[in-house]
Amino acid sequence: MQRISMQNIKSVNYYPVRMMLEVQFMGESTVYQYYDVPEEVWYAMRNVSNIDIYFNEVKREYILHPQ
């Protein structure tokens, strides 16, 4: 299994039925919810060597709701 580098991201969860990606950053209690995220993005995030770089490239494409 490939090791994924996560320097800024503490946790990531995906809910396929809702097409929602939840991201929590290091040092923050806020969980950010991104909507209308295709499942392919979730699979890609799980297979990149640096999730921070990938996330920064795609995050602007989706609706953000901080919780």
Protein backbone atom coordinates (compact mmCIF):
# COMPACT_ATOMS: atom_id res chain seq x y z
CA MET A 1 0.00 0.00 0.00
CA GLN A 2 1.25 3.46 -0.93
CA ARG A 3 1.89 5.90 1.93
CA ILE A 4 -0.09 9.12 1.52
CA SER A 5 1.48 12.36 2.71
CA MET A 6 -0.92 14.52 4.75
CA GLN A 7 0.85 17.50 6.28
CA ASN A 8 -2.09 19.92 6.48
CA ILE A 9 -5.07 17.57 6.46
CA LYS A 10 -6.00 15.74 9.65
CA SER A 11 -8.84 13.61 8.30
CA VAL A 12 -10.88 12.98 5.16
CA ASN A 13 -14.21 11.15 4.84
CA TYR A 14 -16.45 10.60 1.84
CA TYR A 15 -20.20 9.89 1.76
CA PRO A 16 -21.08 8.58 -1.71
CA VAL A 17 -24.88 8.80 -1.41
CA ARG A 18 -24.62 12.50 -0.57
CA MET A 19 -21.53 13.04 -2.79
CA MET A 20 -20.02 14.83 0.20
CA LEU A 21 -16.36 15.05 1.12
CA GLU A 22 -15.49 16.05 4.69
CA VAL A 23 -12.05 17.50 5.41
CA GLN A 24 -10.55 18.54 8.72
CA PHE A 25 -7.25 20.38 8.82
CA MET A 26 -4.48 20.04 11.38
CA GLY A 27 -4.93 22.39 14.32
CA GLU A 28 -8.59 23.13 13.52
CA SER A 29 -11.79 21.82 15.03
CA THR A 30 -13.90 22.85 12.02
CA VAL A 31 -14.90 20.11 9.59
CA TYR A 32 -15.37 21.41 6.05
CA GLN A 33 -18.00 19.72 3.92
CA TYR A 34 -17.67 19.83 0.14
CA TYR A 35 -20.78 18.87 -1.85
CA ASP A 36 -21.28 17.46 -5.34
CA VAL A 37 -17.88 15.76 -5.23
CA PRO A 38 -17.76 12.82 -7.64
CA GLU A 39 -16.65 9.48 -6.27
CA GLU A 40 -13.74 9.53 -8.72
CA VAL A 41 -12.24 12.47 -6.80
CA TRP A 42 -12.41 10.46 -3.58
CA TYR A 43 -10.69 7.49 -5.22
CA ALA A 44 -8.03 9.77 -6.69
CA MET A 45 -7.40 11.35 -3.26
CA ARG A 46 -6.80 7.90 -1.79
CA ASN A 47 -4.24 7.05 -4.47
CA VAL A 48 -2.08 10.17 -4.69
CA SER A 49 1.28 10.45 -2.98
CA ASN A 50 0.46 13.88 -1.47
CA ILE A 51 -3.17 14.48 -0.60
CA ASP A 52 -2.55 18.13 0.33
CA ILE A 53 -1.38 19.03 -3.17
CA TYR A 54 -4.22 17.13 -4.86
CA PHE A 55 -6.86 18.63 -2.56
CA ASN A 56 -5.60 22.17 -3.22
CA GLU A 57 -5.96 21.55 -6.96
CA VAL A 58 -9.57 20.33 -6.83
CA LYS A 59 -11.23 22.00 -3.83
CA ARG A 60 -12.37 25.14 -5.67
CA GLU A 61 -14.59 23.07 -7.96
CA TYR A 62 -17.03 22.10 -5.21
CA ILE A 63 -19.55 23.76 -2.89
CA LEU A 64 -18.11 24.37 0.56
CA HIS A 65 -20.06 24.36 3.85
CA PRO A 66 -17.99 24.74 7.03
CA GLN A 67 -19.60 22.97 10.01
